[in-house]
Amino acid sequence: MKRPVAFRSGNLQSVLFALRTLDFRVANARGPSPACDQPYTHYNLSALLHAHAKVRRPAGIRAG
């Protein structure tokens, strides 16, 4: 997401989200450079939630 879509004032974070695949990309402002000018990092919400559930679930307890 670049200008003119990104706001000129205070573009601290840009997030692009694909609802069907749960993929999203995030860019954060760095120094005086706005988020829209930074590289985007790809994530998948489903994969993140599954990884979090594995870490949080005590041993011996299965997901229901």
Protein backbone atom coordinates (compact mmCIF):
# COMPACT_ATOMS: atom_id res chain seq x y z
CA MET A 1 0.00 0.00 0.00
CA LYS A 2 1.59 3.23 -1.14
CA ARG A 3 0.54 6.84 -1.39
CA PRO A 4 -2.11 8.15 -2.02
CA VAL A 5 -3.93 5.26 -0.28
CA ALA A 6 -1.83 5.54 2.88
CA PHE A 7 -2.52 8.62 5.00
CA ARG A 8 0.02 11.43 4.81
CA SER A 9 -0.19 12.15 8.54
CA GLY A 10 0.90 9.47 10.96
CA ASN A 11 1.20 6.32 8.81
CA LEU A 12 2.66 4.28 11.69
CA GLN A 13 1.46 0.86 10.53
CA SER A 14 -0.01 -0.56 7.35
CA VAL A 15 -1.83 -3.91 7.29
CA LEU A 16 -3.24 -5.67 4.23
CA PHE A 17 -5.57 -8.59 5.05
CA ALA A 18 -6.95 -11.28 2.71
CA LEU A 19 -10.12 -12.62 4.34
CA ARG A 20 -10.40 -15.83 2.29
CA THR A 21 -6.88 -17.09 2.98
CA LEU A 22 -6.29 -15.34 6.34
CA ASP A 23 -2.98 -14.05 4.97
CA PHE A 24 -1.88 -10.59 5.99
CA ARG A 25 1.11 -8.35 5.48
CA VAL A 26 2.34 -5.78 7.98
CA ALA A 27 4.70 -2.82 7.61
CA ASN A 28 5.72 -0.50 10.44
CA ALA A 29 7.11 3.03 10.27
CA ARG A 30 10.82 3.28 10.90
CA GLY A 31 12.33 6.58 11.97
CA PRO A 32 11.06 9.40 9.77
CA SER A 33 10.00 6.97 7.03
CA PRO A 34 6.27 6.06 7.03
CA ALA A 35 5.04 2.47 7.14
CA CYS A 36 3.91 2.57 3.51
CA ASP A 37 7.57 2.97 2.44
CA GLN A 38 8.82 0.00 4.49
CA PRO A 39 8.99 -3.67 3.47
CA TYR A 40 5.98 -5.81 4.33
CA THR A 41 6.23 -9.02 6.38
CA HIS A 42 3.83 -11.87 5.50
CA TYR A 43 1.85 -13.79 8.15
CA ASN A 44 -1.00 -16.28 8.08
CA LEU A 45 -3.54 -15.86 10.89
CA SER A 46 -4.59 -19.53 10.87
CA ALA A 47 -0.98 -20.72 11.21
CA LEU A 48 -0.30 -18.24 14.01
CA LEU A 49 -3.39 -19.32 15.96
CA HIS A 50 -2.54 -23.01 15.58
CA ALA A 51 1.04 -22.42 16.74
CA HIS A 52 -0.21 -20.40 19.71
CA ALA A 53 -2.69 -23.14 20.67
CA LYS A 54 0.09 -25.77 20.66
CA VAL A 55 2.23 -23.65 22.97
CA ARG A 56 -0.62 -22.83 25.35
CA ARG A 57 -2.19 -26.31 25.56
CA PRO A 58 -0.86 -28.36 28.51
CA ALA A 59 0.65 -31.76 27.71
CA GLY A 60 -1.88 -34.56 27.48
CA ILE A 61 -4.86 -32.34 26.64
CA ARG A 62 -6.24 -32.71 23.15
CA ALA A 63 -7.96 -29.99 21.19
CA GLY A 64 -11.72 -30.48 21.13
